[in-house]
Every structure is written in structure tokens, then in C-alpha cells.
Protein backbone atom coordinates (compact mmCIF):
# COMPACT_ATOMS: atom_id res chain seq x y z
CA MET A 1 -73.78 13.91 31.24
CA ALA A 2 -73.04 13.43 27.53
CA THR A 3 -75.12 10.98 25.75
CA ALA A 4 -73.92 8.21 23.61
CA ARG A 5 -74.72 10.10 20.46
CA GLN A 6 -72.63 13.10 21.68
CA TRP A 7 -69.66 10.77 22.46
CA ARG A 8 -69.79 9.39 18.93
CA ARG A 9 -69.93 12.97 17.41
CA TRP A 10 -66.93 14.09 19.35
CA GLY A 11 -64.88 10.96 18.50
CA SER A 12 -65.70 11.43 14.82
CA ALA A 13 -64.52 15.09 14.98
CA LEU A 14 -61.30 14.15 16.78
CA SER A 15 -60.63 11.38 14.33
CA LYS A 16 -61.20 13.63 11.33
CA GLY A 17 -58.95 16.46 12.69
CA GLY A 18 -56.07 14.19 13.54
CA SER A 19 -56.11 12.55 10.10
CA GLN A 20 -55.90 15.90 8.44
CA ARG A 21 -53.03 17.09 10.63
CA TYR A 22 -50.88 13.93 10.02
CA ALA A 23 -51.92 13.66 6.41
CA SER A 24 -50.48 17.13 5.71
CA ASN A 25 -46.97 15.82 6.59
CA TYR A 26 -47.16 12.62 4.63
CA VAL A 27 -45.63 12.31 1.24
CA PRO A 28 -46.21 9.09 -0.67
CA ARG A 29 -43.23 7.27 -2.23
CA THR A 30 -44.48 8.14 -5.70
CA ALA A 31 -44.68 11.78 -4.84
CA ALA A 32 -41.12 11.86 -3.51
CA ALA A 33 -39.79 10.16 -6.62
CA SER A 34 -41.80 12.85 -8.70
CA ALA A 35 -40.23 15.70 -6.64
CA GLY A 36 -36.68 14.31 -7.28
CA GLY A 37 -37.33 13.64 -10.86
CA ALA A 38 -38.87 10.83 -12.75
CA ASN A 39 -35.43 9.48 -13.89
CA GLN A 40 -34.04 7.33 -11.21
CA SER A 41 -30.50 7.62 -12.68
CA ASN A 42 -30.24 11.06 -11.10
CA PHE A 43 -30.47 9.54 -7.64
CA LYS A 44 -27.16 9.56 -5.67
CA PRO A 45 -26.70 7.82 -2.35
CA SER A 46 -25.24 9.82 0.53
CA ALA A 47 -22.02 7.73 0.44
CA ALA A 48 -21.23 9.01 -3.01
CA GLN A 49 -21.85 12.71 -2.30
CA PRO A 50 -18.91 15.03 -3.18
CA ARG A 51 -16.50 15.72 -0.26
CA SER A 52 -16.01 19.16 1.14
CA ALA A 53 -12.70 21.09 0.59
CA ALA A 54 -11.82 20.67 4.28
CA GLN A 55 -12.29 16.98 4.04
CA ASP A 56 -10.16 16.71 0.98
CA ALA A 57 -7.38 18.76 2.53
CA SER A 58 -7.27 16.51 5.58
CA PHE A 59 -7.41 13.27 3.58
CA THR A 60 -4.19 11.19 3.35
CA PRO A 61 -4.21 7.95 1.35
CA ALA A 62 -2.77 4.93 3.20
CA ALA A 63 0.73 4.04 1.93
CA LYS A 64 1.18 0.54 0.55
CA PRO A 65 4.33 -1.28 1.73
CA THR A 66 6.73 -1.62 -1.18
CA THR A 67 9.91 -2.99 0.45
CA GLU A 68 11.60 -3.97 -2.76
CA SER A 69 10.93 -0.82 -4.74
CA SER A 70 11.79 1.38 -1.83
CA SER A 71 15.08 -0.41 -1.32
CA VAL A 72 15.94 -0.23 -4.95
CA SER A 73 15.17 3.51 -5.10
CA ALA A 74 17.15 4.15 -1.93
CA SER A 75 20.25 2.30 -3.27
CA SER A 76 20.03 4.03 -6.57
CA ALA A 77 19.39 7.46 -5.10
CA ALA A 78 22.33 7.24 -2.62
CA PRO A 79 25.30 5.38 -4.34
CA SER A 80 28.47 4.77 -2.29
CA SER A 81 31.08 7.52 -2.12
CA GLU A 82 33.55 5.12 -3.75
CA ALA A 83 31.27 4.41 -6.68
CA SER A 84 30.63 8.19 -7.06
CA GLU A 85 34.30 8.94 -7.11
CA ILE A 86 34.97 6.28 -9.67
CA GLN A 87 32.10 7.44 -11.99
CA ARG A 88 33.38 11.06 -11.62
CA ALA A 89 36.84 10.05 -12.38
CA ALA A 90 35.75 8.06 -15.45
CA SER A 91 33.76 10.99 -16.83
CA GLU A 92 35.90 14.05 -15.90
CA ILE A 93 39.55 13.14 -15.65
CA ASP A 94 41.82 12.95 -18.65
CA TRP A 95 44.73 10.88 -17.41
CA SER A 96 46.75 11.70 -20.51
CA GLN A 97 47.13 15.19 -19.09
CA GLY A 98 45.67 15.43 -15.55
CA TYR A 99 47.33 15.01 -12.11
CA GLU A 100 44.30 14.20 -10.00
CA GLY A 101 45.02 13.17 -6.43
CA ILE A 102 48.73 13.68 -6.59
CA GLY A 103 50.13 14.14 -3.03
CA HIS A 104 46.54 14.31 -1.67
CA ARG A 105 47.09 11.73 1.19
CA PRO A 106 49.25 8.73 1.90
CA PHE A 107 48.16 5.26 0.94
CA ASN A 108 47.08 3.04 3.81
CA ALA A 109 49.59 1.38 6.17
CA GLU A 110 49.42 -2.03 4.62
CA ALA A 111 50.03 -0.69 1.10
CA SER A 112 52.84 1.45 2.29
CA ARG A 113 54.48 -1.58 4.09
CA ILE A 114 54.31 -3.71 0.86
CA LEU A 115 55.66 -0.90 -1.35
CA SER A 116 58.66 -0.05 0.89
CA GLN A 117 59.51 -3.62 1.76
CA ALA A 118 63.16 -4.63 1.29
CA LEU A 119 63.81 -6.76 -1.70
CA ASP A 120 64.50 -10.40 -1.49
CA LYS A 121 68.12 -10.86 -2.53
CA ASP A 122 67.21 -13.74 -4.81
CA ASP A 123 64.95 -11.38 -6.84
CA ILE A 124 67.72 -9.02 -7.78
CA GLU A 125 69.49 -9.59 -11.08
CA ILE A 126 72.67 -8.06 -12.63
CA LYS A 127 73.19 -7.21 -16.31
CA PRO A 128 76.55 -8.06 -17.98
CA ASP A 129 77.56 -4.39 -17.76
CA GLY A 130 77.17 -4.46 -13.96
CA LEU A 131 73.71 -2.72 -13.67
CA LEU A 132 71.45 -4.18 -10.91
CA TYR A 133 67.83 -4.49 -11.75
CA LEU A 134 64.50 -6.01 -10.71
CA PRO A 135 62.52 -7.92 -13.38
CA GLU A 136 59.61 -5.86 -14.57
CA ILE A 137 57.11 -8.69 -13.69
CA LYS A 138 58.14 -8.33 -10.01
CA TYR A 139 57.22 -4.66 -10.09
CA ARG A 140 53.78 -5.63 -11.17
CA ARG A 141 53.57 -8.30 -8.49
CA ILE A 142 54.38 -5.75 -5.79
CA LEU A 143 51.75 -3.39 -7.14
CA ASN A 144 49.22 -6.12 -7.24
CA ARG A 145 49.87 -6.99 -3.52
CA ALA A 146 49.74 -3.38 -2.53
CA PHE A 147 46.58 -2.26 -4.47
CA GLY A 148 45.06 -5.42 -5.81
CA PRO A 149 44.77 -6.47 -9.45
CA GLY A 150 42.81 -3.72 -11.25
CA GLY A 151 43.71 -1.13 -8.52
CA TRP A 152 46.47 0.45 -10.59
CA GLY A 153 47.31 1.07 -14.25
CA MET A 154 49.75 2.63 -16.74
CA VAL A 155 48.32 5.48 -18.93
CA PRO A 156 50.19 6.77 -22.06
CA ARG A 157 50.88 10.48 -21.92
CA GLY A 158 51.91 10.96 -25.54
CA ASP A 159 52.40 9.34 -28.90
CA LEU A 160 54.86 6.57 -29.51
CA GLU A 161 58.20 7.87 -30.86
CA ILE A 162 60.09 5.52 -33.11
CA GLY A 163 63.66 6.47 -33.84
CA GLN A 164 66.57 4.79 -35.34
CA GLY A 165 66.56 1.45 -33.54
CA ILE A 166 64.75 2.77 -30.41
CA VAL A 167 61.16 3.42 -29.29
CA ALA A 168 60.15 5.87 -26.56
CA ARG A 169 56.93 6.97 -24.88
CA ASP A 170 55.81 8.81 -21.79
CA TRP A 171 53.63 6.90 -19.31
CA ALA A 172 51.78 7.84 -16.07
CA LEU A 173 51.23 5.53 -13.14
CA VAL A 174 47.66 5.66 -11.62
CA CYS A 175 46.86 3.86 -8.34
CA LEU A 176 43.38 3.69 -6.79
CA GLY A 177 42.28 6.53 -9.12
CA ARG A 178 45.15 8.82 -8.06
CA PHE A 179 47.98 10.10 -10.23
CA VAL A 180 51.39 8.84 -8.73
CA SER A 181 54.17 9.59 -11.29
CA THR A 182 55.11 9.94 -14.87
CA ALA A 183 58.19 8.71 -16.71
CA ARG A 184 59.55 8.05 -20.18
CA GLY A 185 60.14 4.51 -21.10
CA GLU A 186 62.71 3.42 -23.82
CA GLN A 187 63.54 0.22 -25.51
CA GLU A 188 65.84 -0.65 -28.33
CA PHE A 189 64.91 -2.92 -31.33
CA PHE A 190 66.95 -4.27 -34.20
CA ARG A 191 64.41 -4.99 -37.00
CA PRO A 192 61.07 -3.51 -37.91
CA SER A 193 59.20 -6.56 -36.74
CA GLY A 194 60.48 -5.97 -33.21
CA VAL A 195 58.59 -2.58 -32.76
CA SER A 196 55.67 -4.13 -31.02
CA THR A 197 57.89 -6.04 -28.49
CA ALA A 198 59.99 -2.90 -27.95
CA THR A 199 56.89 -0.87 -27.30
CA GLU A 200 55.94 -3.21 -24.48
CA GLY A 201 59.51 -3.02 -23.17
CA ALA A 202 59.27 0.76 -23.22
CA LYS A 203 56.10 0.56 -21.05
CA SER A 204 57.78 -1.73 -18.45
CA ASN A 205 60.84 0.62 -18.46
CA ALA A 206 58.54 3.59 -17.62
CA LEU A 207 56.85 1.51 -14.93
CA MET A 208 60.16 0.80 -13.23
CA ARG A 209 60.98 4.47 -13.16
CA CYS A 210 57.48 5.48 -11.89
CA CYS A 211 57.74 2.95 -9.02
CA LYS A 212 60.73 4.86 -7.64
CA ASP A 213 58.31 7.53 -6.50
CA LEU A 214 56.49 4.82 -4.44
CA GLY A 215 59.79 3.66 -2.90
CA VAL A 216 59.62 0.21 -4.73
CA ALA A 217 63.06 -1.28 -5.14
CA SER A 218 64.65 1.93 -3.86
CA GLU A 219 67.82 -0.12 -2.87
CA LEU A 220 68.73 -0.38 -6.60
CA TRP A 221 69.47 3.29 -6.67
CA ASP A 222 71.54 3.33 -3.41
CA PRO A 223 75.25 3.38 -4.23
CA ARG A 224 76.30 1.86 -1.00
CA PHE A 225 73.84 -1.03 -1.42
CA ILE A 226 74.96 -1.53 -4.99
CA ARG A 227 78.63 -1.91 -3.95
CA GLN A 228 77.78 -4.30 -1.05
CA PHE A 229 75.51 -6.49 -3.16
CA LYS A 230 78.01 -6.83 -6.09
CA ALA A 231 80.81 -7.67 -3.71
CA LYS A 232 78.77 -10.28 -1.86
CA HIS A 233 76.58 -11.90 -4.48
CA CYS A 234 78.20 -11.14 -7.89
CA VAL A 235 81.41 -11.83 -9.76
CA GLU A 236 83.31 -10.20 -12.54
CA VAL A 237 84.45 -12.42 -15.42
CA TRP A 238 86.29 -12.29 -18.66
CA ALA A 239 84.17 -13.05 -21.71
CA SER A 240 84.37 -12.71 -25.54
CA GLY A 241 81.39 -11.52 -27.65
CA SER A 242 80.36 -12.48 -31.13
CA ASP A 243 82.85 -10.02 -32.43
CA GLY A 244 85.65 -11.96 -30.73
CA LYS A 245 86.64 -9.05 -28.49
CA LYS A 246 87.50 -9.92 -24.83
CA ARG A 247 85.85 -7.77 -22.15
CA LYS A 248 85.03 -7.72 -18.40
CA LEU A 249 81.37 -8.66 -17.66
CA TRP A 250 79.21 -9.38 -14.58
CA ARG A 251 77.05 -12.23 -13.35
CA ARG A 252 75.72 -13.52 -10.09
CA LYS A 253 77.88 -16.05 -8.23
CA ASP A 254 74.98 -18.60 -8.01
CA ASP A 255 74.38 -18.36 -11.82
CA GLY A 256 76.10 -20.45 -14.37
CA PRO A 257 78.57 -19.19 -16.95
CA LEU A 258 77.42 -16.48 -19.31
CA GLU A 259 75.32 -17.64 -22.17
CA TYR A 260 75.30 -16.66 -25.91
CA PRO A 261 76.25 -14.25 -27.34
CA TYR A 262 79.05 -14.28 -24.74
CA LYS A 263 81.59 -16.94 -24.10
CA GLU A 264 83.06 -16.86 -20.53
CA THR A 265 86.77 -17.60 -20.32
CA GLY A 266 87.52 -16.95 -16.68
CA LEU A 267 87.37 -14.81 -13.51
CA VAL A 268 88.79 -11.34 -13.33
CA ARG A 269 91.62 -11.35 -10.78
């Protein structure tokens, strides 16, 4: 049996060996700091360590909701087809020479109905020489009803020609960005100060002629309609002009006697 002295010797040896074994794995804080470098600014926590290439490749940043900016960019990136067509027409088409859209497709049913509608008999006028006509403002009203104000326009196709007492110019009618027709307008003038007014009259004369291709007031070029209208709504009268000569002239039955420079003297029998 071991004595008390032997037990104390064995315990001391065991204690000494265990301390040496554990002491070999122990590194004090000061030693760890020395091994990493005395400057603590070189220390980087694990959260800030650089990412691997695989991690960077698989990383996708979260998209922030930007409703307003995305809607604006979408609207600017995809403009309407109508806006694109208008922009292209404004930048590419020279209406003084081009024929863009002629005969491409018919206008819609409502516009076609308005353009081909029969004239109101009260709108038709007759000149003293017997020529039936529709006042130019009523052509404009028909076009406004069919295409809307701003949906049509007249484009000059050449320079203004000023002759002896007459002006003339070629014009094109464009409706909804499409060429419709071209015609020459003419108007007389009697003094140099009347050229501006005659120029506007020539434009209206060209508009009237262009509208024939749309079927507007087509009755006025129909010989049978002309004869029937004059027989029913007009009357031929005798009148003398400023030169004193007597001649046959026309007016509507529901109008009063002819005005200056004519003086009506009676009906033609």
C-alpha cells in the first residue's frame, strides 16, 4: 500500500505534466497580438473579409421600387404609334412635293358619311352668271366636322404667281397626315392693295377644287342637279350694270333684288 508521502509525490508529478501539456497550447493575448502585428489597424474582422469569385457571381443586389421613374421611362421608350407617325411625318415628309398616304386606305365611316353628305339647299348660292357654288367657309366647316379642327390643312405647292389683275398658286390638301389632292387656286384683283385678299381667295378656290376628290359638294358638278336646282330655287332677271347695259342675270327666288353694281328691272319671261 502506498504511503501518504508516495501519494503526494505522484500527485505532484501528474500536476506538473498536465500543466506542461496544456501550457504548450496556450497563447496569451499579448502574444497573439504580436504574431498578427503590433499595429491594430491591420486587424480585419471576418465580416469584412473579401468575397470569393463564386460569391460575387451569384450576388444580385435588391432592386429598389421606383414606380415613378419606371413609368416615365416606359412611356418615353414606347411612344404611341400615332405620335411616332406624326413625328416621322414632321421630320421626313416635304408636303410641298410629297404624296405620302395617297390612296393608302379609306377614311373611317363617320368621316366618309360627313364628306359625302348631301348639301342643305339653303347653303347653296348662285352667282349672277348662273354658276352654283358653296361658300368657302362651309367647305371648312365640313372638313372640321369630318377630321376635327387641326386634322387637315392646305400646303402651298409652289410660288405665288401674280399676273395682270389675277393671282394663282398651287395648293395641296392634307388630312390626318395623308395627302388627298392638289389643285390650282385663282383670284382676280383690281388694284395692288388687293393682292393679299386675292391670295387668300386663291387658297379658298384651291380648297374647293381639292374637296371634289373627297366627294364634298359633288352635286354642284352634276349637270342634272344644276338644272333641277335652278328651275326650282332660282330665277333669271333683267338687270343693268354700272355701264348701263341690260343683261340676263340669276339670283335665288328667296333672295331680294340684285344689289350694286346691278339694278334689277324685271323677270325674264
